[in-house]
Each structure stands twice: as structure tokens, then as C-alpha cells.
Amino acid sequence: SIWNGMVKAAAGVNNVKVTLPLMSAGIYYLRYDDGKTQQVLKMMKQ
């Protein structure tokens, strides 16, 4: 799913363990860095 991809990207970029549920982590990442999130969304769509 796209949320799973975003969580993995967030974990890789920030080098942290993601302990939140996928949806919550996705929303958190959207708030954390919208620019990087947009890049992930584009990557997932390709």
C-alpha cells in the first residue's frame, strides 16, 4: 500500500523505528516533511 511505502521511506530517511500504525505514521510523515512525502507519492505512482 502507499502508506506502507511512505512509512518505509520515513524510517529510512529519519533512521528511526516506526512504532505507530501505518495510517498514523503516514499522517505524521505528511506533517513532518511535505516535500519528501510528495516525492514518495510520485515514486509510488510510477
PDB file of N, CA and C in Angstrom:
ATOM      1  N   SER A   1       0.838  -1.197   0.000  1.00  0.00           N
ATOM      2  CA  SER A   1       0.000   0.000   0.000  1.00  0.00           C
ATOM      3  C   SER A   1       0.872   1.246   0.000  1.00  0.00           C
ATOM      4  N   ILE A   2       0.290   2.367  -0.352  1.00  0.00           N
ATOM      5  CA  ILE A   2       1.070   3.607  -0.387  1.00  0.00           C
ATOM      6  C   ILE A   2       1.523   4.011   1.006  1.00  0.00           C
ATOM      7  N   TRP A   3       0.695   3.758   2.031  1.00  0.00           N
ATOM      8  CA  TRP A   3       1.084   4.114   3.399  1.00  0.00           C
ATOM      9  C   TRP A   3       2.299   3.317   3.820  1.00  0.00           C
ATOM     10  N   ASN A   4       2.315   2.032   3.471  1.00  0.00           N
ATOM     11  CA  ASN A   4       3.447   1.185   3.831  1.00  0.00           C
ATOM     12  C   ASN A   4       4.723   1.712   3.198  1.00  0.00           C
ATOM     13  N   GLY A   5       4.637   2.137   1.937  1.00  0.00           N
ATOM     14  CA  GLY A   5       5.798   2.693   1.256  1.00  0.00           C
ATOM     15  C   GLY A   5       6.269   3.979   1.908  1.00  0.00           C
ATOM     16  N   MET A   6       5.343   4.813   2.313  1.00  0.00           N
ATOM     17  CA  MET A   6       5.688   6.078   2.961  1.00  0.00           C
ATOM     18  C   MET A   6       6.360   5.832   4.299  1.00  0.00           C
ATOM     19  N   VAL A   7       5.841   4.865   5.046  1.00  0.00           N
ATOM     20  CA  VAL A   7       6.418   4.555   6.354  1.00  0.00           C
ATOM     21  C   VAL A   7       7.843   4.054   6.189  1.00  0.00           C
ATOM     22  N   LYS A   8       8.055   3.185   5.197  1.00  0.00           N
ATOM     23  CA  LYS A   8       9.401   2.676   4.954  1.00  0.00           C
ATOM     24  C   LYS A   8      10.338   3.809   4.557  1.00  0.00           C
ATOM     25  N   ALA A   9       9.856   4.725   3.724  1.00  0.00           N
ATOM     26  CA  ALA A   9      10.672   5.860   3.296  1.00  0.00           C
ATOM     27  C   ALA A   9      10.995   6.759   4.487  1.00  0.00           C
ATOM     28  N   ALA A  10      10.005   6.992   5.332  1.00  0.00           N
ATOM     29  CA  ALA A  10      10.207   7.837   6.505  1.00  0.00           C
ATOM     30  C   ALA A  10      11.228   7.205   7.441  1.00  0.00           C
ATOM     31  N   ALA A  11      11.120   5.905   7.635  1.00  0.00           N
ATOM     32  CA  ALA A  11      12.041   5.201   8.521  1.00  0.00           C
ATOM     33  C   ALA A  11      13.459   5.260   7.962  1.00  0.00           C
ATOM     34  N   GLY A  12      13.579   5.142   6.635  1.00  0.00           N
ATOM     35  CA  GLY A  12      14.900   5.182   6.018  1.00  0.00           C
ATOM     36  C   GLY A  12      15.508   6.567   6.087  1.00  0.00           C
ATOM     37  N   VAL A  13      14.708   7.585   5.797  1.00  0.00           N
ATOM     38  CA  VAL A  13      15.213   8.960   5.784  1.00  0.00           C
ATOM     39  C   VAL A  13      15.596   9.410   7.185  1.00  0.00           C
ATOM     40  N   ASN A  14      14.770   9.097   8.162  1.00  0.00           N
ATOM     41  CA  ASN A  14      14.992   9.578   9.523  1.00  0.00           C
ATOM     42  C   ASN A  14      15.801   8.600  10.370  1.00  0.00           C
ATOM     43  N   ASN A  15      16.008   7.383   9.825  1.00  0.00           N
ATOM     44  CA  ASN A  15      16.773   6.361  10.532  1.00  0.00           C
ATOM     45  C   ASN A  15      16.193   6.101  11.918  1.00  0.00           C
ATOM     46  N   VAL A  16      14.886   5.914  11.971  1.00  0.00           N
ATOM     47  CA  VAL A  16      14.217   5.637  13.236  1.00  0.00           C
ATOM     48  C   VAL A  16      13.255   4.474  13.051  1.00  0.00           C
ATOM     49  N   LYS A  17      12.903   3.838  14.164  1.00  0.00           N
ATOM     50  CA  LYS A  17      11.912   2.759  14.100  1.00  0.00           C
ATOM     51  C   LYS A  17      10.524   3.371  14.126  1.00  0.00           C
ATOM     52  N   VAL A  18       9.679   2.916  13.207  1.00  0.00           N
ATOM     53  CA  VAL A  18       8.304   3.412  13.166  1.00  0.00           C
ATOM     54  C   VAL A  18       7.439   2.497  14.023  1.00  0.00           C
ATOM     55  N   THR A  19       6.910   3.038  15.102  1.00  0.00           N
ATOM     56  CA  THR A  19       6.127   2.234  16.028  1.00  0.00           C
ATOM     57  C   THR A  19       4.642   2.556  15.958  1.00  0.00           C
ATOM     58  N   LEU A  20       4.294   3.586  15.182  1.00  0.00           N
ATOM     59  CA  LEU A  20       2.884   3.935  15.051  1.00  0.00           C
ATOM     60  C   LEU A  20       2.221   3.044  14.016  1.00  0.00           C
ATOM     61  N   PRO A  21       0.883   2.916  14.058  1.00  0.00           N
ATOM     62  CA  PRO A  21       0.169   2.210  12.993  1.00  0.00           C
ATOM     63  C   PRO A  21       0.463   2.881  11.662  1.00  0.00           C
ATOM     64  N   LEU A  22       0.303   2.146  10.562  1.00  0.00           N
ATOM     65  CA  LEU A  22       0.660   2.665   9.246  1.00  0.00           C
ATOM     66  C   LEU A  22      -0.037   3.979   8.931  1.00  0.00           C
ATOM     67  N   MET A  23      -1.339   4.059   9.173  1.00  0.00           N
ATOM     68  CA  MET A  23      -2.078   5.267   8.842  1.00  0.00           C
ATOM     69  C   MET A  23      -1.581   6.452   9.662  1.00  0.00           C
ATOM     70  N   SER A  24      -1.398   6.245  10.959  1.00  0.00           N
ATOM     71  CA  SER A  24      -0.924   7.327  11.825  1.00  0.00           C
ATOM     72  C   SER A  24       0.469   7.762  11.418  1.00  0.00           C
ATOM     73  N   ALA A  25       1.319   6.799  11.106  1.00  0.00           N
ATOM     74  CA  ALA A  25       2.683   7.116  10.699  1.00  0.00           C
ATOM     75  C   ALA A  25       2.676   7.885   9.389  1.00  0.00           C
ATOM     76  N   GLY A  26       1.781   7.514   8.472  1.00  0.00           N
ATOM     77  CA  GLY A  26       1.676   8.218   7.204  1.00  0.00           C
ATOM     78  C   GLY A  26       1.262   9.660   7.409  1.00  0.00           C
ATOM     79  N   ILE A  27       0.270   9.868   8.273  1.00  0.00           N
ATOM     80  CA  ILE A  27      -0.200  11.224   8.551  1.00  0.00           C
ATOM     81  C   ILE A  27       0.907  12.025   9.230  1.00  0.00           C
ATOM     82  N   TYR A  28       1.608  11.390  10.164  1.00  0.00           N
ATOM     83  CA  TYR A  28       2.707  12.063  10.866  1.00  0.00           C
ATOM     84  C   TYR A  28       3.786  12.488   9.873  1.00  0.00           C
ATOM     85  N   TYR A  29       4.084  11.617   8.926  1.00  0.00           N
ATOM     86  CA  TYR A  29       5.117  11.922   7.941  1.00  0.00           C
ATOM     87  C   TYR A  29       4.673  13.054   7.027  1.00  0.00           C
ATOM     88  N   LEU A  30       3.374  13.098   6.696  1.00  0.00           N
ATOM     89  CA  LEU A  30       2.850  14.205   5.892  1.00  0.00           C
ATOM     90  C   LEU A  30       3.096  15.533   6.609  1.00  0.00           C
ATOM     91  N   ARG A  31       2.888  15.542   7.918  1.00  0.00           N
ATOM     92  CA  ARG A  31       3.092  16.758   8.697  1.00  0.00           C
ATOM     93  C   ARG A  31       4.587  17.036   8.872  1.00  0.00           C
ATOM     94  N   TYR A  32       5.369  15.966   8.953  1.00  0.00           N
ATOM     95  CA  TYR A  32       6.796  16.108   9.248  1.00  0.00           C
ATOM     96  C   TYR A  32       7.545  16.770   8.104  1.00  0.00           C
ATOM     97  N   ASP A  33       7.303  16.319   6.884  1.00  0.00           N
ATOM     98  CA  ASP A  33       8.031  16.884   5.749  1.00  0.00           C
ATOM     99  C   ASP A  33       7.222  16.678   4.479  1.00  0.00           C
ATOM    100  N   ASP A  34       6.418  17.660   4.128  1.00  0.00           N
ATOM    101  CA  ASP A  34       5.520  17.535   2.992  1.00  0.00           C
ATOM    102  C   ASP A  34       6.284  17.369   1.687  1.00  0.00           C
ATOM    103  N   GLY A  35       7.439  18.010   1.561  1.00  0.00           N
ATOM    104  CA  GLY A  35       8.218  17.903   0.335  1.00  0.00           C
ATOM    105  C   GLY A  35       8.664  16.477   0.074  1.00  0.00           C
ATOM    106  N   LYS A  36       9.203  15.823   1.103  1.00  0.00           N
ATOM    107  CA  LYS A  36       9.649  14.444   0.939  1.00  0.00           C
ATOM    108  C   LYS A  36       8.463  13.524   0.694  1.00  0.00           C
ATOM    109  N   THR A  37       7.347  13.814   1.353  1.00  0.00           N
ATOM    110  CA  THR A  37       6.156  12.996   1.168  1.00  0.00           C
ATOM    111  C   THR A  37       5.699  13.045  -0.278  1.00  0.00           C
ATOM    112  N   GLN A  38       5.725  14.231  -0.877  1.00  0.00           N
ATOM    113  CA  GLN A  38       5.315  14.377  -2.271  1.00  0.00           C
ATOM    114  C   GLN A  38       6.229  13.561  -3.173  1.00  0.00           C
ATOM    115  N   GLN A  39       7.524  13.526  -2.875  1.00  0.00           N
ATOM    116  CA  GLN A  39       8.465  12.743  -3.667  1.00  0.00           C
ATOM    117  C   GLN A  39       8.116  11.262  -3.569  1.00  0.00           C
ATOM    118  N   VAL A  40       7.788  10.806  -2.375  1.00  0.00           N
ATOM    119  CA  VAL A  40       7.420   9.407  -2.168  1.00  0.00           C
ATOM    120  C   VAL A  40       6.157   9.080  -2.947  1.00  0.00           C
ATOM    121  N   LEU A  41       5.163   9.977  -2.889  1.00  0.00           N
ATOM    122  CA  LEU A  41       3.915   9.749  -3.609  1.00  0.00           C
ATOM    123  C   LEU A  41       4.181   9.607  -5.100  1.00  0.00           C
ATOM    124  N   LYS A  42       5.046  10.459  -5.654  1.00  0.00           N
ATOM    125  CA  LYS A  42       5.374  10.389  -7.071  1.00  0.00           C
ATOM    126  C   LYS A  42       6.066   9.068  -7.392  1.00  0.00           C
ATOM    127  N   MET A  43       6.972   8.633  -6.517  1.00  0.00           N
ATOM    128  CA  MET A  43       7.690   7.381  -6.732  1.00  0.00           C
ATOM    129  C   MET A  43       6.728   6.197  -6.730  1.00  0.00           C
ATOM    130  N   MET A  44       5.767   6.223  -5.801  1.00  0.00           N
ATOM    131  CA  MET A  44       4.826   5.115  -5.678  1.00  0.00           C
ATOM    132  C   MET A  44       3.902   5.042  -6.897  1.00  0.00           C
ATOM    133  N   LYS A  45       3.597   6.183  -7.500  1.00  0.00           N
ATOM    134  CA  LYS A  45       2.687   6.214  -8.644  1.00  0.00           C
ATOM    135  C   LYS A  45       3.364   5.716  -9.919  1.00  0.00           C
ATOM    136  N   GLN A  46       4.679   5.860 -10.006  1.00  0.00           N
ATOM    137  CA  GLN A  46       5.392   5.453 -11.214  1.00  0.00           C
ATOM    138  C   GLN A  46       5.447   3.936 -11.352  1.00  0.00           C
TER     139      GLN A  46
END
